[in-house]
PDB file of N, CA and C in Angstrom:
ATOM      1  N   MET A   1       0.766  -1.090   0.003  1.00  0.00           N
ATOM      2  CA  MET A   1      -0.028  -0.012  -0.031  1.00  0.00           C
ATOM      3  C   MET A   1       0.829   1.076  -0.090  1.00  0.00           C
ATOM      4  N   TYR A   2       0.758   2.061  -0.970  1.00  0.00           N
ATOM      5  CA  TYR A   2       1.391   3.426  -1.151  1.00  0.00           C
ATOM      6  C   TYR A   2       0.861   4.414  -0.247  1.00  0.00           C
ATOM      7  N   PHE A   3       1.600   4.962   0.617  1.00  0.00           N
ATOM      8  CA  PHE A   3       0.897   6.078   1.640  1.00  0.00           C
ATOM      9  C   PHE A   3       2.026   7.404   1.608  1.00  0.00           C
ATOM     10  N   ASN A   4       1.534   8.598   1.020  1.00  0.00           N
ATOM     11  CA  ASN A   4       2.261   9.635   1.025  1.00  0.00           C
ATOM     12  C   ASN A   4       2.453  10.555   2.210  1.00  0.00           C
ATOM     13  N   PHE A   5       3.462  10.497   2.691  1.00  0.00           N
ATOM     14  CA  PHE A   5       3.750  11.207   3.982  1.00  0.00           C
ATOM     15  C   PHE A   5       3.368  12.660   3.698  1.00  0.00           C
ATOM     16  N   VAL A   6       3.939  13.269   2.549  1.00  0.00           N
ATOM     17  CA  VAL A   6       3.704  14.865   2.361  1.00  0.00           C
ATOM     18  C   VAL A   6       2.397  14.965   2.603  1.00  0.00           C
ATOM     19  N   LEU A   7       1.248  14.071   2.263  1.00  0.00           N
ATOM     20  CA  LEU A   7      -0.069  14.652   2.123  1.00  0.00           C
ATOM     21  C   LEU A   7      -0.405  14.426   3.632  1.00  0.00           C
ATOM     22  N   LEU A   8       0.197  13.442   4.390  1.00  0.00           N
ATOM     23  CA  LEU A   8      -0.377  13.199   5.669  1.00  0.00           C
ATOM     24  C   LEU A   8      -0.070  14.433   6.896  1.00  0.00           C
ATOM     25  N   GLN A   9       0.909  14.928   6.388  1.00  0.00           N
ATOM     26  CA  GLN A   9       1.573  16.061   7.420  1.00  0.00           C
ATOM     27  C   GLN A   9       0.345  17.235   7.574  1.00  0.00           C
ATOM     28  N   PRO A  10      -0.072  17.707   6.411  1.00  0.00           N
ATOM     29  CA  PRO A  10      -1.231  18.879   6.545  1.00  0.00           C
ATOM     30  C   PRO A  10      -2.457  18.240   7.510  1.00  0.00           C
ATOM     31  N   LEU A  11      -2.799  16.901   7.240  1.00  0.00           N
ATOM     32  CA  LEU A  11      -3.971  16.496   7.820  1.00  0.00           C
ATOM     33  C   LEU A  11      -3.436  15.971   9.570  1.00  0.00           C
ATOM     34  N   ILE A  12      -2.340  15.822   9.853  1.00  0.00           N
ATOM     35  CA  ILE A  12      -1.912  15.768  11.004  1.00  0.00           C
ATOM     36  C   ILE A  12      -1.940  16.918  11.699  1.00  0.00           C
ATOM     37  N   ALA A  13      -1.565  18.118  10.978  1.00  0.00           N
ATOM     38  CA  ALA A  13      -1.288  19.545  11.489  1.00  0.00           C
ATOM     39  C   ALA A  13      -2.716  19.871  11.873  1.00  0.00           C
ATOM     40  N   LEU A  14      -3.618  19.721  11.058  1.00  0.00           N
ATOM     41  CA  LEU A  14      -5.035  20.078  11.071  1.00  0.00           C
ATOM     42  C   LEU A  14      -5.740  19.767  12.403  1.00  0.00           C
ATOM     43  N   ILE A  15      -5.511  18.278  12.426  1.00  0.00           N
ATOM     44  CA  ILE A  15      -6.170  17.432  13.704  1.00  0.00           C
ATOM     45  C   ILE A  15      -5.654  18.024  14.945  1.00  0.00           C
ATOM     46  N   ALA A  16      -4.294  18.367  15.027  1.00  0.00           N
ATOM     47  CA  ALA A  16      -3.588  18.702  16.125  1.00  0.00           C
ATOM     48  C   ALA A  16      -3.894  19.912  16.516  1.00  0.00           C
ATOM     49  N   GLY A  17      -4.462  20.988  15.357  1.00  0.00           N
ATOM     50  CA  GLY A  17      -4.635  22.290  15.824  1.00  0.00           C
ATOM     51  C   GLY A  17      -6.092  22.365  16.495  1.00  0.00           C
ATOM     52  N   ILE A  18      -7.026  21.557  16.031  1.00  0.00           N
ATOM     53  CA  ILE A  18      -8.258  21.502  16.406  1.00  0.00           C
ATOM     54  C   ILE A  18      -8.344  20.840  17.811  1.00  0.00           C
ATOM     55  N   LEU A  19      -7.378  19.848  18.118  1.00  0.00           N
ATOM     56  CA  LEU A  19      -7.718  19.340  19.284  1.00  0.00           C
ATOM     57  C   LEU A  19      -6.802  20.484  20.305  1.00  0.00           C
ATOM     58  N   ILE A  20      -6.017  20.935  19.910  1.00  0.00           N
ATOM     59  CA  ILE A  20      -5.045  22.013  20.893  1.00  0.00           C
ATOM     60  C   ILE A  20      -6.348  23.208  21.143  1.00  0.00           C
ATOM     61  N   LEU A  21      -6.995  23.608  20.146  1.00  0.00           N
ATOM     62  CA  LEU A  21      -7.866  24.716  20.351  1.00  0.00           C
ATOM     63  C   LEU A  21      -9.099  24.067  21.324  1.00  0.00           C
ATOM     64  N   ILE A  22      -9.730  22.774  21.314  1.00  0.00           N
ATOM     65  CA  ILE A  22     -10.566  22.235  22.078  1.00  0.00           C
ATOM     66  C   ILE A  22     -10.068  22.228  23.542  1.00  0.00           C
ATOM     67  N   MET A  23      -9.008  21.359  23.569  1.00  0.00           N
ATOM     68  CA  MET A  23      -8.188  21.187  24.842  1.00  0.00           C
ATOM     69  C   MET A  23      -6.797  21.711  25.005  1.00  0.00           C
ATOM     70  N   PRO A  24      -6.447  22.982  25.318  1.00  0.00           N
ATOM     71  CA  PRO A  24      -5.139  23.464  25.398  1.00  0.00           C
ATOM     72  C   PRO A  24      -4.289  22.560  26.163  1.00  0.00           C
ATOM     73  N   ARG A  25      -4.384  21.741  27.233  1.00  0.00           N
ATOM     74  CA  ARG A  25      -3.685  21.130  27.942  1.00  0.00           C
ATOM     75  C   ARG A  25      -3.113  19.898  27.143  1.00  0.00           C
ATOM     76  N   LEU A  26      -3.581  19.494  25.932  1.00  0.00           N
ATOM     77  CA  LEU A  26      -3.259  18.335  25.333  1.00  0.00           C
ATOM     78  C   LEU A  26      -1.890  19.043  24.510  1.00  0.00           C
ATOM     79  N   LEU A  27      -1.398  20.138  24.479  1.00  0.00           N
ATOM     80  CA  LEU A  27      -0.582  20.734  23.666  1.00  0.00           C
ATOM     81  C   LEU A  27       0.848  20.011  23.841  1.00  0.00           C
ATOM     82  N   ASN A  28       1.492  19.782  25.074  1.00  0.00           N
ATOM     83  CA  ASN A  28       2.624  19.096  25.127  1.00  0.00           C
ATOM     84  C   ASN A  28       2.354  17.575  24.749  1.00  0.00           C
ATOM     85  N   PHE A  29       1.460  16.884  24.580  1.00  0.00           N
ATOM     86  CA  PHE A  29       1.400  15.554  24.389  1.00  0.00           C
ATOM     87  C   PHE A  29       1.195  15.606  22.854  1.00  0.00           C
ATOM     88  N   ILE A  30       0.314  16.471  22.290  1.00  0.00           N
ATOM     89  CA  ILE A  30       0.327  16.569  20.766  1.00  0.00           C
ATOM     90  C   ILE A  30       1.757  16.720  20.082  1.00  0.00           C
ATOM     91  N   VAL A  31       2.338  17.799  20.419  1.00  0.00           N
ATOM     92  CA  VAL A  31       3.764  18.231  20.171  1.00  0.00           C
ATOM     93  C   VAL A  31       4.680  16.806  20.330  1.00  0.00           C
ATOM     94  N   ALA A  32       4.759  16.357  21.268  1.00  0.00           N
ATOM     95  CA  ALA A  32       5.628  15.270  21.613  1.00  0.00           C
ATOM     96  C   ALA A  32       5.317  14.077  20.558  1.00  0.00           C
ATOM     97  N   ILE A  33       4.035  13.853  20.384  1.00  0.00           N
ATOM     98  CA  ILE A  33       3.684  12.539  19.453  1.00  0.00           C
ATOM     99  C   ILE A  33       4.181  12.985  18.039  1.00  0.00           C
ATOM    100  N   TYR A  34       3.655  14.190  17.627  1.00  0.00           N
ATOM    101  CA  TYR A  34       4.278  14.864  16.344  1.00  0.00           C
ATOM    102  C   TYR A  34       5.609  14.629  16.135  1.00  0.00           C
ATOM    103  N   LEU A  35       6.650  15.269  16.995  1.00  0.00           N
ATOM    104  CA  LEU A  35       7.765  15.205  16.907  1.00  0.00           C
ATOM    105  C   LEU A  35       8.317  13.623  16.714  1.00  0.00           C
ATOM    106  N   ILE A  36       7.988  12.669  17.671  1.00  0.00           N
ATOM    107  CA  ILE A  36       8.126  11.365  17.506  1.00  0.00           C
ATOM    108  C   ILE A  36       7.891  10.828  16.094  1.00  0.00           C
ATOM    109  N   PHE A  37       6.727  11.025  15.704  1.00  0.00           N
ATOM    110  CA  PHE A  37       6.313  10.602  14.327  1.00  0.00           C
ATOM    111  C   PHE A  37       7.203  11.041  13.128  1.00  0.00           C
ATOM    112  N   VAL A  38       7.604  12.402  13.080  1.00  0.00           N
ATOM    113  CA  VAL A  38       8.437  12.883  12.030  1.00  0.00           C
ATOM    114  C   VAL A  38       9.826  12.539  12.215  1.00  0.00           C
ATOM    115  N   GLY A  39      10.439  12.221  13.443  1.00  0.00           N
ATOM    116  CA  GLY A  39      11.626  11.866  13.754  1.00  0.00           C
ATOM    117  C   GLY A  39      11.778  10.215  13.292  1.00  0.00           C
ATOM    118  N   LEU A  40      10.937   9.446  13.638  1.00  0.00           N
ATOM    119  CA  LEU A  40      10.759   8.114  13.004  1.00  0.00           C
ATOM    120  C   LEU A  40      10.713   8.235  11.783  1.00  0.00           C
ATOM    121  N   SER A  41       9.835   8.986  11.083  1.00  0.00           N
ATOM    122  CA  SER A  41       9.739   8.829   9.512  1.00  0.00           C
ATOM    123  C   SER A  41      10.841   9.426   8.875  1.00  0.00           C
ATOM    124  N   GLY A  42      11.702  10.208   9.575  1.00  0.00           N
ATOM    125  CA  GLY A  42      12.820  10.789   8.768  1.00  0.00           C
ATOM    126  C   GLY A  42      14.099   9.871   9.014  1.00  0.00           C
ATOM    127  N   LEU A  43      14.043   8.898  10.252  1.00  0.00           N
ATOM    128  CA  LEU A  43      15.177   8.017  10.363  1.00  0.00           C
ATOM    129  C   LEU A  43      14.810   6.504   9.597  1.00  0.00           C
ATOM    130  N   PHE A  44      13.580   6.318   9.279  1.00  0.00           N
ATOM    131  CA  PHE A  44      13.247   4.955   8.677  1.00  0.00           C
ATOM    132  C   PHE A  44      12.358   5.476   7.563  1.00  0.00           C
ATOM    133  N   PRO A  45      12.850   6.415   6.377  1.00  0.00           N
ATOM    134  CA  PRO A  45      11.765   6.353   5.393  1.00  0.00           C
ATOM    135  C   PRO A  45      11.172   5.538   4.761  1.00  0.00           C
ATOM    136  N   HIS A  46      11.915   4.161   4.559  1.00  0.00           N
ATOM    137  CA  HIS A  46      11.294   2.997   3.802  1.00  0.00           C
ATOM    138  C   HIS A  46      10.178   2.525   4.615  1.00  0.00           C
ATOM    139  N   PHE A  47       9.949   2.816   5.666  1.00  0.00           N
ATOM    140  CA  PHE A  47       8.577   2.534   6.345  1.00  0.00           C
ATOM    141  C   PHE A  47       7.258   3.235   5.847  1.00  0.00           C
ATOM    142  N   MET A  48       7.714   4.259   5.357  1.00  0.00           N
ATOM    143  CA  MET A  48       6.679   5.429   5.123  1.00  0.00           C
ATOM    144  C   MET A  48       6.206   5.165   3.606  1.00  0.00           C
ATOM    145  N   ARG A  49       6.965   4.414   2.874  1.00  0.00           N
ATOM    146  CA  ARG A  49       6.434   4.234   1.447  1.00  0.00           C
ATOM    147  C   ARG A  49       5.153   3.527   1.255  1.00  0.00           C
TER     148      ARG A  49
END
């Protein structure tokens, strides 16, 4: 299955932004999860194809 990470980033950012607006206390967790996801996708790009 082909999955384009470039198309996934704006969707993740939109969902994270909405969650932060609804529940500002989630900001630390959302940023941490996003950074871990982006870091792993950069270290292991072949898993994101």
